[in-house]
Amino acid sequence: MKRQISFGQALATVVGTVIGGGVFFKIGSISHETGTPSLTLFVWILAGIVSIASGLTVSEIAAALPVTGGSIKYIEYTYGKVWGFLFGWAQMLVYFPANIAALSVVFGQQFVVLFG
């Protein structure tokens, strides 16, 4: 199996995990906390700017380091094998299952709203 991802696959992943889950799941709580539509939009724009900045930061790190293989390899190169190992396990045991669970909740709620 080739280890590559096309632009369409990457776009679908980002839309599904970041945009799709966040727009339907968080807008109510953000609107409740801010109280005004203008402040809600400000929070969304600020979060978008932070997301773009973090994506650009990771791409700069990827371009600057002589290793390939993703975030685990970048942490191994920068901080050592122990921290890369722990980061990989943390992703496998905490981050990815939590991400899938959150998206499943959003999907379930939207499915019930759509189909009753």
PDB file of N, CA and C in Angstrom:
ATOM      1  N   MET A   1       0.833  -1.167   0.000  1.00  0.00           N
ATOM      2  CA  MET A   1       0.000   0.000   0.000  1.00  0.00           C
ATOM      3  C   MET A   1       0.888   1.243   0.000  1.00  0.00           C
ATOM      4  N   LYS A   2       0.567   2.160  -0.879  1.00  0.00           N
ATOM      5  CA  LYS A   2       1.331   3.398  -0.935  1.00  0.00           C
ATOM      6  C   LYS A   2       0.989   4.283   0.259  1.00  0.00           C
ATOM      7  N   ARG A   3       2.015   4.929   0.799  1.00  0.00           N
ATOM      8  CA  ARG A   3       1.815   5.828   1.930  1.00  0.00           C
ATOM      9  C   ARG A   3       1.720   7.254   1.434  1.00  0.00           C
ATOM     10  N   GLN A   4       0.604   7.566   0.813  1.00  0.00           N
ATOM     11  CA  GLN A   4       0.386   8.926   0.348  1.00  0.00           C
ATOM     12  C   GLN A   4      -1.087   9.255   0.479  1.00  0.00           C
ATOM     13  N   ILE A   5      -1.376  10.527   0.526  1.00  0.00           N
ATOM     14  CA  ILE A   5      -2.745  10.988   0.646  1.00  0.00           C
ATOM     15  C   ILE A   5      -2.967  12.078  -0.397  1.00  0.00           C
ATOM     16  N   SER A   6      -4.082  12.006  -1.076  1.00  0.00           N
ATOM     17  CA  SER A   6      -4.368  12.990  -2.110  1.00  0.00           C
ATOM     18  C   SER A   6      -4.949  14.254  -1.475  1.00  0.00           C
ATOM     19  N   PHE A   7      -5.030  15.298  -2.268  1.00  0.00           N
ATOM     20  CA  PHE A   7      -5.585  16.557  -1.776  1.00  0.00           C
ATOM     21  C   PHE A   7      -7.041  16.372  -1.365  1.00  0.00           C
ATOM     22  N   GLY A   8      -7.797  15.643  -2.149  1.00  0.00           N
ATOM     23  CA  GLY A   8      -9.203  15.423  -1.827  1.00  0.00           C
ATOM     24  C   GLY A   8      -9.390  14.663  -0.528  1.00  0.00           C
ATOM     25  N   GLN A   9      -8.551  13.650  -0.307  1.00  0.00           N
ATOM     26  CA  GLN A   9      -8.627  12.886   0.940  1.00  0.00           C
ATOM     27  C   GLN A   9      -8.253  13.752   2.141  1.00  0.00           C
ATOM     28  N   ALA A  10      -7.228  14.578   1.995  1.00  0.00           N
ATOM     29  CA  ALA A  10      -6.833  15.472   3.085  1.00  0.00           C
ATOM     30  C   ALA A  10      -7.927  16.493   3.372  1.00  0.00           C
ATOM     31  N   LEU A  11      -8.528  17.029   2.331  1.00  0.00           N
ATOM     32  CA  LEU A  11      -9.598  18.003   2.497  1.00  0.00           C
ATOM     33  C   LEU A  11     -10.799  17.368   3.185  1.00  0.00           C
ATOM     34  N   ALA A  12     -11.162  16.150   2.794  1.00  0.00           N
ATOM     35  CA  ALA A  12     -12.289  15.461   3.426  1.00  0.00           C
ATOM     36  C   ALA A  12     -12.012  15.189   4.900  1.00  0.00           C
ATOM     37  N   THR A  13     -10.777  14.859   5.237  1.00  0.00           N
ATOM     38  CA  THR A  13     -10.422  14.614   6.635  1.00  0.00           C
ATOM     39  C   THR A  13     -10.552  15.885   7.460  1.00  0.00           C
ATOM     40  N   VAL A  14     -10.049  16.993   6.939  1.00  0.00           N
ATOM     41  CA  VAL A  14     -10.120  18.256   7.669  1.00  0.00           C
ATOM     42  C   VAL A  14     -11.564  18.712   7.820  1.00  0.00           C
ATOM     43  N   VAL A  15     -12.316  18.636   6.744  1.00  0.00           N
ATOM     44  CA  VAL A  15     -13.712  19.055   6.807  1.00  0.00           C
ATOM     45  C   VAL A  15     -14.481  18.191   7.794  1.00  0.00           C
ATOM     46  N   GLY A  16     -14.249  16.891   7.766  1.00  0.00           N
ATOM     47  CA  GLY A  16     -14.979  15.994   8.654  1.00  0.00           C
ATOM     48  C   GLY A  16     -14.647  16.176  10.113  1.00  0.00           C
ATOM     49  N   THR A  17     -13.377  16.357  10.438  1.00  0.00           N
ATOM     50  CA  THR A  17     -12.991  16.413  11.844  1.00  0.00           C
ATOM     51  C   THR A  17     -13.061  17.812  12.435  1.00  0.00           C
ATOM     52  N   VAL A  18     -12.640  18.800  11.709  1.00  0.00           N
ATOM     53  CA  VAL A  18     -12.570  20.148  12.277  1.00  0.00           C
ATOM     54  C   VAL A  18     -13.849  20.926  12.019  1.00  0.00           C
ATOM     55  N   ILE A  19     -14.174  21.084  10.776  1.00  0.00           N
ATOM     56  CA  ILE A  19     -15.300  21.944  10.425  1.00  0.00           C
ATOM     57  C   ILE A  19     -16.629  21.257  10.712  1.00  0.00           C
ATOM     58  N   GLY A  20     -16.787  20.028  10.245  1.00  0.00           N
ATOM     59  CA  GLY A  20     -18.063  19.339  10.400  1.00  0.00           C
ATOM     60  C   GLY A  20     -18.482  19.153  11.838  1.00  0.00           C
ATOM     61  N   GLY A  21     -17.557  18.734  12.679  1.00  0.00           N
ATOM     62  CA  GLY A  21     -17.894  18.545  14.082  1.00  0.00           C
ATOM     63  C   GLY A  21     -18.052  19.847  14.841  1.00  0.00           C
ATOM     64  N   GLY A  22     -17.187  20.787  14.588  1.00  0.00           N
ATOM     65  CA  GLY A  22     -17.199  22.042  15.343  1.00  0.00           C
ATOM     66  C   GLY A  22     -18.389  22.930  15.057  1.00  0.00           C
ATOM     67  N   VAL A  23     -18.799  23.018  13.809  1.00  0.00           N
ATOM     68  CA  VAL A  23     -19.877  23.929  13.438  1.00  0.00           C
ATOM     69  C   VAL A  23     -21.196  23.486  14.061  1.00  0.00           C
ATOM     70  N   PHE A  24     -21.486  22.206  14.021  1.00  0.00           N
ATOM     71  CA  PHE A  24     -22.776  21.737  14.515  1.00  0.00           C
ATOM     72  C   PHE A  24     -22.796  21.509  16.016  1.00  0.00           C
ATOM     73  N   PHE A  25     -21.652  21.298  16.620  1.00  0.00           N
ATOM     74  CA  PHE A  25     -21.611  20.884  18.013  1.00  0.00           C
ATOM     75  C   PHE A  25     -21.313  22.038  18.971  1.00  0.00           C
ATOM     76  N   LYS A  26     -20.524  23.003  18.574  1.00  0.00           N
ATOM     77  CA  LYS A  26     -20.049  24.031  19.496  1.00  0.00           C
ATOM     78  C   LYS A  26     -20.737  25.378  19.376  1.00  0.00           C
ATOM     79  N   ILE A  27     -21.466  25.616  18.308  1.00  0.00           N
ATOM     80  CA  ILE A  27     -22.013  26.955  18.098  1.00  0.00           C
ATOM     81  C   ILE A  27     -22.996  27.344  19.198  1.00  0.00           C
ATOM     82  N   GLY A  28     -23.767  26.382  19.708  1.00  0.00           N
ATOM     83  CA  GLY A  28     -24.733  26.695  20.764  1.00  0.00           C
ATOM     84  C   GLY A  28     -24.062  27.127  22.051  1.00  0.00           C
ATOM     85  N   SER A  29     -23.033  26.397  22.459  1.00  0.00           N
ATOM     86  CA  SER A  29     -22.354  26.747  23.714  1.00  0.00           C
ATOM     87  C   SER A  29     -21.572  28.050  23.580  1.00  0.00           C
ATOM     88  N   ILE A  30     -20.982  28.287  22.411  1.00  0.00           N
ATOM     89  CA  ILE A  30     -20.255  29.548  22.216  1.00  0.00           C
ATOM     90  C   ILE A  30     -21.224  30.723  22.211  1.00  0.00           C
ATOM     91  N   SER A  31     -22.352  30.566  21.535  1.00  0.00           N
ATOM     92  CA  SER A  31     -23.354  31.640  21.511  1.00  0.00           C
ATOM     93  C   SER A  31     -23.900  31.912  22.907  1.00  0.00           C
ATOM     94  N   HIS A  32     -24.094  30.864  23.681  1.00  0.00           N
ATOM     95  CA  HIS A  32     -24.590  31.029  25.046  1.00  0.00           C
ATOM     96  C   HIS A  32     -23.580  31.783  25.914  1.00  0.00           C
ATOM     97  N   GLU A  33     -22.304  31.456  25.779  1.00  0.00           N
ATOM     98  CA  GLU A  33     -21.275  32.084  26.607  1.00  0.00           C
ATOM     99  C   GLU A  33     -21.014  33.535  26.212  1.00  0.00           C
ATOM    100  N   THR A  34     -21.030  33.829  24.901  1.00  0.00           N
ATOM    101  CA  THR A  34     -20.721  35.189  24.464  1.00  0.00           C
ATOM    102  C   THR A  34     -21.915  36.127  24.614  1.00  0.00           C
ATOM    103  N   GLY A  35     -23.109  35.640  24.309  1.00  0.00           N
ATOM    104  CA  GLY A  35     -24.301  36.459  24.504  1.00  0.00           C
ATOM    105  C   GLY A  35     -24.706  37.323  23.333  1.00  0.00           C
ATOM    106  N   THR A  36     -23.781  37.642  22.445  1.00  0.00           N
ATOM    107  CA  THR A  36     -24.123  38.486  21.295  1.00  0.00           C
ATOM    108  C   THR A  36     -23.615  37.845  20.009  1.00  0.00           C
ATOM    109  N   PRO A  37     -24.324  38.073  18.893  1.00  0.00           N
ATOM    110  CA  PRO A  37     -23.863  37.507  17.622  1.00  0.00           C
ATOM    111  C   PRO A  37     -22.498  38.034  17.180  1.00  0.00           C
ATOM    112  N   SER A  38     -22.235  39.317  17.432  1.00  0.00           N
ATOM    113  CA  SER A  38     -20.955  39.881  16.988  1.00  0.00           C
ATOM    114  C   SER A  38     -19.785  39.269  17.762  1.00  0.00           C
ATOM    115  N   LEU A  39     -19.957  39.038  19.039  1.00  0.00           N
ATOM    116  CA  LEU A  39     -18.900  38.420  19.832  1.00  0.00           C
ATOM    117  C   LEU A  39     -18.723  36.950  19.458  1.00  0.00           C
ATOM    118  N   THR A  40     -19.818  36.282  19.106  1.00  0.00           N
ATOM    119  CA  THR A  40     -19.733  34.894  18.635  1.00  0.00           C
ATOM    120  C   THR A  40     -18.926  34.822  17.343  1.00  0.00           C
ATOM    121  N   LEU A  41     -19.195  35.722  16.411  1.00  0.00           N
ATOM    122  CA  LEU A  41     -18.414  35.758  15.170  1.00  0.00           C
ATOM    123  C   LEU A  41     -16.950  36.070  15.430  1.00  0.00           C
ATOM    124  N   PHE A  42     -16.690  36.968  16.374  1.00  0.00           N
ATOM    125  CA  PHE A  42     -15.307  37.281  16.726  1.00  0.00           C
ATOM    126  C   PHE A  42     -14.573  36.049  17.245  1.00  0.00           C
ATOM    127  N   VAL A  43     -15.243  35.266  18.090  1.00  0.00           N
ATOM    128  CA  VAL A  43     -14.630  34.051  18.630  1.00  0.00           C
ATOM    129  C   VAL A  43     -14.346  33.062  17.500  1.00  0.00           C
ATOM    130  N   TRP A  44     -15.280  32.899  16.562  1.00  0.00           N
ATOM    131  CA  TRP A  44     -15.073  31.984  15.440  1.00  0.00           C
ATOM    132  C   TRP A  44     -13.921  32.452  14.550  1.00  0.00           C
ATOM    133  N   ILE A  45     -13.844  33.746  14.305  1.00  0.00           N
ATOM    134  CA  ILE A  45     -12.748  34.275  13.478  1.00  0.00           C
ATOM    135  C   ILE A  45     -11.416  34.112  14.189  1.00  0.00           C
ATOM    136  N   LEU A  46     -11.380  34.386  15.484  1.00  0.00           N
ATOM    137  CA  LEU A  46     -10.151  34.209  16.255  1.00  0.00           C
ATOM    138  C   LEU A  46      -9.713  32.741  16.259  1.00  0.00           C
ATOM    139  N   ALA A  47     -10.665  31.831  16.436  1.00  0.00           N
ATOM    140  CA  ALA A  47     -10.330  30.403  16.402  1.00  0.00           C
ATOM    141  C   ALA A  47      -9.814  29.996  15.022  1.00  0.00           C
ATOM    142  N   GLY A  48     -10.372  30.562  13.965  1.00  0.00           N
ATOM    143  CA  GLY A  48      -9.883  30.285  12.616  1.00  0.00           C
ATOM    144  C   GLY A  48      -8.460  30.774  12.416  1.00  0.00           C
ATOM    145  N   ILE A  49      -8.157  31.946  12.929  1.00  0.00           N
ATOM    146  CA  ILE A  49      -6.797  32.489  12.810  1.00  0.00           C
ATOM    147  C   ILE A  49      -5.804  31.617  13.578  1.00  0.00           C
ATOM    148  N   VAL A  50      -6.175  31.192  14.778  1.00  0.00           N
ATOM    149  CA  VAL A  50      -5.302  30.315  15.566  1.00  0.00           C
ATOM    150  C   VAL A  50      -5.098  28.986  14.834  1.00  0.00           C
ATOM    151  N   SER A  51      -6.161  28.440  14.233  1.00  0.00           N
ATOM    152  CA  SER A  51      -6.044  27.182  13.491  1.00  0.00           C
ATOM    153  C   SER A  51      -5.116  27.320  12.290  1.00  0.00           C
ATOM    154  N   ILE A  52      -5.247  28.411  11.560  1.00  0.00           N
ATOM    155  CA  ILE A  52      -4.367  28.644  10.410  1.00  0.00           C
ATOM    156  C   ILE A  52      -2.926  28.810  10.868  1.00  0.00           C
ATOM    157  N   ALA A  53      -2.721  29.560  11.950  1.00  0.00           N
ATOM    158  CA  ALA A  53      -1.362  29.758  12.466  1.00  0.00           C
ATOM    159  C   ALA A  53      -0.746  28.437  12.917  1.00  0.00           C
ATOM    160  N   SER A  54      -1.534  27.585  13.558  1.00  0.00           N
ATOM    161  CA  SER A  54      -0.974  26.312  14.005  1.00  0.00           C
ATOM    162  C   SER A  54      -0.668  25.397  12.827  1.00  0.00           C
ATOM    163  N   GLY A  55      -1.509  25.404  11.811  1.00  0.00           N
ATOM    164  CA  GLY A  55      -1.221  24.616  10.611  1.00  0.00           C
ATOM    165  C   GLY A  55       0.036  25.091   9.902  1.00  0.00           C
ATOM    166  N   LEU A  56       0.204  26.400   9.807  1.00  0.00           N
ATOM    167  CA  LEU A  56       1.410  26.944   9.183  1.00  0.00           C
ATOM    168  C   LEU A  56       2.656  26.638  10.019  1.00  0.00           C
ATOM    169  N   THR A  57       2.514  26.644  11.334  1.00  0.00           N
ATOM    170  CA  THR A  57       3.639  26.312  12.206  1.00  0.00           C
ATOM    171  C   THR A  57       4.088  24.872  11.993  1.00  0.00           C
ATOM    172  N   VAL A  58       3.133  23.959  11.939  1.00  0.00           N
ATOM    173  CA  VAL A  58       3.480  22.551  11.724  1.00  0.00           C
ATOM    174  C   VAL A  58       4.102  22.351  10.345  1.00  0.00           C
ATOM    175  N   SER A  59       3.608  23.064   9.349  1.00  0.00           N
ATOM    176  CA  SER A  59       4.201  22.925   8.018  1.00  0.00           C
ATOM    177  C   SER A  59       5.619  23.493   7.977  1.00  0.00           C
ATOM    178  N   GLU A  60       5.888  24.541   8.719  1.00  0.00           N
ATOM    179  CA  GLU A  60       7.253  25.070   8.804  1.00  0.00           C
ATOM    180  C   GLU A  60       8.179  24.079   9.499  1.00  0.00           C
ATOM    181  N   ILE A  61       7.693  23.453  10.554  1.00  0.00           N
ATOM    182  CA  ILE A  61       8.492  22.437  11.242  1.00  0.00           C
ATOM    183  C   ILE A  61       8.786  21.280  10.296  1.00  0.00           C
ATOM    184  N   ALA A  62       7.774  20.855   9.546  1.00  0.00           N
ATOM    185  CA  ALA A  62       7.961  19.746   8.601  1.00  0.00           C
ATOM    186  C   ALA A  62       8.974  20.094   7.528  1.00  0.00           C
ATOM    187  N   ALA A  63       8.958  21.333   7.077  1.00  0.00           N
ATOM    188  CA  ALA A  63       9.904  21.746   6.042  1.00  0.00           C
ATOM    189  C   ALA A  63      11.321  21.917   6.589  1.00  0.00           C
ATOM    190  N   ALA A  64      11.442  22.288   7.843  1.00  0.00           N
ATOM    191  CA  ALA A  64      12.760  22.572   8.417  1.00  0.00           C
ATOM    192  C   ALA A  64      13.500  21.329   8.901  1.00  0.00           C
ATOM    193  N   LEU A  65      12.772  20.322   9.349  1.00  0.00           N
ATOM    194  CA  LEU A  65      13.420  19.143   9.915  1.00  0.00           C
ATOM    195  C   LEU A  65      13.788  18.142   8.824  1.00  0.00           C
ATOM    196  N   PRO A  66      14.894  17.444   9.013  1.00  0.00           N
ATOM    197  CA  PRO A  66      15.340  16.483   7.999  1.00  0.00           C
ATOM    198  C   PRO A  66      14.624  15.134   8.074  1.00  0.00           C
ATOM    199  N   VAL A  67      13.685  14.959   9.022  1.00  0.00           N
ATOM    200  CA  VAL A  67      12.985  13.677   9.168  1.00  0.00           C
ATOM    201  C   VAL A  67      11.615  13.756   8.508  1.00  0.00           C
ATOM    202  N   THR A  68      11.107  12.602   8.127  1.00  0.00           N
ATOM    203  CA  THR A  68       9.746  12.521   7.622  1.00  0.00           C
ATOM    204  C   THR A  68       8.992  11.498   8.446  1.00  0.00           C
ATOM    205  N   GLY A  69       7.684  11.591   8.464  1.00  0.00           N
ATOM    206  CA  GLY A  69       6.904  10.603   9.187  1.00  0.00           C
ATOM    207  C   GLY A  69       5.852  11.178  10.103  1.00  0.00           C
ATOM    208  N   GLY A  70       5.690  12.467  10.159  1.00  0.00           N
ATOM    209  CA  GLY A  70       4.620  13.045  10.946  1.00  0.00           C
ATOM    210  C   GLY A  70       5.032  13.520  12.314  1.00  0.00           C
ATOM    211  N   SER A  71       4.028  13.841  13.107  1.00  0.00           N
ATOM    212  CA  SER A  71       4.262  14.499  14.387  1.00  0.00           C
ATOM    213  C   SER A  71       5.063  13.649  15.369  1.00  0.00           C
ATOM    214  N   ILE A  72       4.867  12.343  15.348  1.00  0.00           N
ATOM    215  CA  ILE A  72       5.633  11.492  16.267  1.00  0.00           C
ATOM    216  C   ILE A  72       7.120  11.569  15.940  1.00  0.00           C
ATOM    217  N   LYS A  73       7.454  11.511  14.674  1.00  0.00           N
ATOM    218  CA  LYS A  73       8.866  11.617  14.274  1.00  0.00           C
ATOM    219  C   LYS A  73       9.436  12.991  14.581  1.00  0.00           C
ATOM    220  N   TYR A  74       8.628  14.040  14.444  1.00  0.00           N
ATOM    221  CA  TYR A  74       9.106  15.388  14.760  1.00  0.00           C
ATOM    222  C   TYR A  74       9.418  15.510  16.250  1.00  0.00           C
ATOM    223  N   ILE A  75       8.569  14.948  17.097  1.00  0.00           N
ATOM    224  CA  ILE A  75       8.814  15.001  18.539  1.00  0.00           C
ATOM    225  C   ILE A  75      10.017  14.143  18.909  1.00  0.00           C
ATOM    226  N   GLU A  76      10.153  12.973  18.269  1.00  0.00           N
ATOM    227  CA  GLU A  76      11.341  12.141  18.515  1.00  0.00           C
ATOM    228  C   GLU A  76      12.611  12.894  18.153  1.00  0.00           C
ATOM    229  N   TYR A  77      12.601  13.565  17.028  1.00  0.00           N
ATOM    230  CA  TYR A  77      13.787  14.294  16.576  1.00  0.00           C
ATOM    231  C   TYR A  77      14.098  15.455  17.522  1.00  0.00           C
ATOM    232  N   THR A  78      13.063  16.138  17.984  1.00  0.00           N
ATOM    233  CA  THR A  78      13.261  17.339  18.790  1.00  0.00           C
ATOM    234  C   THR A  78      13.531  17.020  20.258  1.00  0.00           C
ATOM    235  N   TYR A  79      12.744  16.123  20.855  1.00  0.00           N
ATOM    236  CA  TYR A  79      12.808  15.901  22.297  1.00  0.00           C
ATOM    237  C   TYR A  79      13.348  14.536  22.706  1.00  0.00           C
ATOM    238  N   GLY A  80      13.445  13.606  21.771  1.00  0.00           N
ATOM    239  CA  GLY A  80      13.951  12.282  22.094  1.00  0.00           C
ATOM    240  C   GLY A  80      12.908  11.194  21.875  1.00  0.00           C
ATOM    241  N   LYS A  81      13.406   9.965  21.847  1.00  0.00           N
ATOM    242  CA  LYS A  81      12.542   8.824  21.549  1.00  0.00           C
ATOM    243  C   LYS A  81      11.479   8.573  22.613  1.00  0.00           C
ATOM    244  N   VAL A  82      11.793   8.829  23.872  1.00  0.00           N
ATOM    245  CA  VAL A  82      10.819   8.578  24.937  1.00  0.00           C
ATOM    246  C   VAL A  82       9.581   9.453  24.750  1.00  0.00           C
ATOM    247  N   TRP A  83       9.793  10.739  24.466  1.00  0.00           N
ATOM    248  CA  TRP A  83       8.658  11.648  24.313  1.00  0.00           C
ATOM    249  C   TRP A  83       7.876  11.348  23.039  1.00  0.00           C
ATOM    250  N   GLY A  84       8.556  10.950  21.993  1.00  0.00           N
ATOM    251  CA  GLY A  84       7.858  10.537  20.786  1.00  0.00           C
ATOM    252  C   GLY A  84       7.010   9.298  21.024  1.00  0.00           C
ATOM    253  N   PHE A  85       7.565   8.345  21.761  1.00  0.00           N
ATOM    254  CA  PHE A  85       6.842   7.126  22.107  1.00  0.00           C
ATOM    255  C   PHE A  85       5.604   7.450  22.944  1.00  0.00           C
ATOM    256  N   LEU A  86       5.775   8.287  23.967  1.00  0.00           N
ATOM    257  CA  LEU A  86       4.648   8.658  24.826  1.00  0.00           C
ATOM    258  C   LEU A  86       3.588   9.441  24.062  1.00  0.00           C
ATOM    259  N   PHE A  87       4.024  10.301  23.155  1.00  0.00           N
ATOM    260  CA  PHE A  87       3.074  11.056  22.345  1.00  0.00           C
ATOM    261  C   PHE A  87       2.262  10.127  21.453  1.00  0.00           C
ATOM    262  N   GLY A  88       2.908   9.143  20.864  1.00  0.00           N
ATOM    263  CA  GLY A  88       2.203   8.178  20.029  1.00  0.00           C
ATOM    264  C   GLY A  88       1.164   7.400  20.812  1.00  0.00           C
ATOM    265  N   TRP A  89       1.528   6.953  22.013  1.00  0.00           N
ATOM    266  CA  TRP A  89       0.569   6.234  22.849  1.00  0.00           C
ATOM    267  C   TRP A  89      -0.557   7.146  23.303  1.00  0.00           C
ATOM    268  N   ALA A  90      -0.241   8.398  23.627  1.00  0.00           N
ATOM    269  CA  ALA A  90      -1.292   9.340  24.036  1.00  0.00           C
ATOM    270  C   ALA A  90      -2.279   9.576  22.896  1.00  0.00           C
ATOM    271  N   GLN A  91      -1.747   9.666  21.675  1.00  0.00           N
ATOM    272  CA  GLN A  91      -2.648   9.822  20.530  1.00  0.00           C
ATOM    273  C   GLN A  91      -3.533   8.597  20.372  1.00  0.00           C
ATOM    274  N   MET A  92      -2.950   7.423  20.517  1.00  0.00           N
ATOM    275  CA  MET A  92      -3.705   6.197  20.295  1.00  0.00           C
ATOM    276  C   MET A  92      -4.737   5.940  21.397  1.00  0.00           C
ATOM    277  N   LEU A  93      -4.397   6.252  22.640  1.00  0.00           N
ATOM    278  CA  LEU A  93      -5.289   5.939  23.750  1.00  0.00           C
ATOM    279  C   LEU A  93      -6.247   7.064  24.121  1.00  0.00           C
ATOM    280  N   VAL A  94      -5.891   8.316  23.820  1.00  0.00           N
ATOM    281  CA  VAL A  94      -6.716   9.440  24.257  1.00  0.00           C
ATOM    282  C   VAL A  94      -7.258  10.239  23.073  1.00  0.00           C
ATOM    283  N   TYR A  95      -6.365  10.797  22.256  1.00  0.00           N
ATOM    284  CA  TYR A  95      -6.782  11.767  21.250  1.00  0.00           C
ATOM    285  C   TYR A  95      -7.684  11.166  20.173  1.00  0.00           C
ATOM    286  N   PHE A  96      -7.246  10.114  19.511  1.00  0.00           N
ATOM    287  CA  PHE A  96      -8.036   9.552  18.418  1.00  0.00           C
ATOM    288  C   PHE A  96      -9.368   8.972  18.891  1.00  0.00           C
ATOM    289  N   PRO A  97      -9.419   8.199  19.989  1.00  0.00           N
ATOM    290  CA  PRO A  97     -10.730   7.738  20.454  1.00  0.00           C
ATOM    291  C   PRO A  97     -11.662   8.882  20.862  1.00  0.00           C
ATOM    292  N   ALA A  98     -11.124   9.917  21.507  1.00  0.00           N
ATOM    293  CA  ALA A  98     -11.960  11.060  21.890  1.00  0.00           C
ATOM    294  C   ALA A  98     -12.480  11.790  20.662  1.00  0.00           C
ATOM    295  N   ASN A  99     -11.643  11.924  19.655  1.00  0.00           N
ATOM    296  CA  ASN A  99     -12.052  12.575  18.413  1.00  0.00           C
ATOM    297  C   ASN A  99     -13.163  11.785  17.734  1.00  0.00           C
ATOM    298  N   ILE A 100     -13.003  10.477  17.649  1.00  0.00           N
ATOM    299  CA  ILE A 100     -14.030   9.635  17.033  1.00  0.00           C
ATOM    300  C   ILE A 100     -15.309   9.665  17.857  1.00  0.00           C
ATOM    301  N   ALA A 101     -15.200   9.650  19.168  1.00  0.00           N
ATOM    302  CA  ALA A 101     -16.390   9.706  20.019  1.00  0.00           C
ATOM    303  C   ALA A 101     -17.139  11.018  19.847  1.00  0.00           C
ATOM    304  N   ALA A 102     -16.414  12.131  19.805  1.00  0.00           N
ATOM    305  CA  ALA A 102     -17.067  13.427  19.624  1.00  0.00           C
ATOM    306  C   ALA A 102     -17.761  13.510  18.271  1.00  0.00           C
ATOM    307  N   LEU A 103     -17.101  13.025  17.229  1.00  0.00           N
ATOM    308  CA  LEU A 103     -17.725  13.042  15.909  1.00  0.00           C
ATOM    309  C   LEU A 103     -18.922  12.096  15.854  1.00  0.00           C
ATOM    310  N   SER A 104     -18.865  10.994  16.578  1.00  0.00           N
ATOM    311  CA  SER A 104     -19.998  10.076  16.623  1.00  0.00           C
ATOM    312  C   SER A 104     -21.201  10.721  17.310  1.00  0.00           C
ATOM    313  N   VAL A 105     -20.959  11.474  18.365  1.00  0.00           N
ATOM    314  CA  VAL A 105     -22.045  12.181  19.047  1.00  0.00           C
ATOM    315  C   VAL A 105     -22.673  13.199  18.104  1.00  0.00           C
ATOM    316  N   VAL A 106     -21.847  13.958  17.404  1.00  0.00           N
ATOM    317  CA  VAL A 106     -22.362  14.946  16.462  1.00  0.00           C
ATOM    318  C   VAL A 106     -23.154  14.257  15.356  1.00  0.00           C
ATOM    319  N   PHE A 107     -22.605  13.181  14.808  1.00  0.00           N
ATOM    320  CA  PHE A 107     -23.308  12.457  13.751  1.00  0.00           C
ATOM    321  C   PHE A 107     -24.643  11.927  14.254  1.00  0.00           C
ATOM    322  N   GLY A 108     -24.648  11.335  15.444  1.00  0.00           N
ATOM    323  CA  GLY A 108     -25.882  10.799  16.001  1.00  0.00           C
ATOM    324  C   GLY A 108     -26.940  11.856  16.210  1.00  0.00           C
ATOM    325  N   GLN A 109     -26.540  12.989  16.764  1.00  0.00           N
ATOM    326  CA  GLN A 109     -27.490  14.083  16.988  1.00  0.00           C
ATOM    327  C   GLN A 109     -28.045  14.613  15.673  1.00  0.00           C
ATOM    328  N   GLN A 110     -27.188  14.796  14.691  1.00  0.00           N
ATOM    329  CA  GLN A 110     -27.645  15.315  13.400  1.00  0.00           C
ATOM    330  C   GLN A 110     -28.492  14.297  12.662  1.00  0.00           C
ATOM    331  N   PHE A 111     -28.166  13.027  12.805  1.00  0.00           N
ATOM    332  CA  PHE A 111     -28.942  11.962  12.167  1.00  0.00           C
ATOM    333  C   PHE A 111     -30.362  11.942  12.734  1.00  0.00           C
ATOM    334  N   VAL A 112     -30.487  12.064  14.064  1.00  0.00           N
ATOM    335  CA  VAL A 112     -31.808  12.069  14.699  1.00  0.00           C
ATOM    336  C   VAL A 112     -32.601  13.298  14.269  1.00  0.00           C
ATOM    337  N   VAL A 113     -31.944  14.448  14.187  1.00  0.00           N
ATOM    338  CA  VAL A 113     -32.627  15.672  13.752  1.00  0.00           C
ATOM    339  C   VAL A 113     -33.102  15.520  12.305  1.00  0.00           C
ATOM    340  N   LEU A 114     -32.290  14.922  11.471  1.00  0.00           N
ATOM    341  CA  LEU A 114     -32.628  14.800  10.044  1.00  0.00           C
ATOM    342  C   LEU A 114     -33.704  13.754   9.789  1.00  0.00           C
ATOM    343  N   PHE A 115     -33.588  12.597  10.427  1.00  0.00           N
ATOM    344  CA  PHE A 115     -34.504  11.489  10.136  1.00  0.00           C
ATOM    345  C   PHE A 115     -35.515  11.200  11.245  1.00  0.00           C
ATOM    346  N   GLY A 116     -35.439  11.930  12.348  1.00  0.00           N
ATOM    347  CA  GLY A 116     -36.394  11.718  13.436  1.00  0.00           C
ATOM    348  C   GLY A 116     -36.052  10.486  14.153  1.00  0.00           C
TER     349      GLY A 116
END
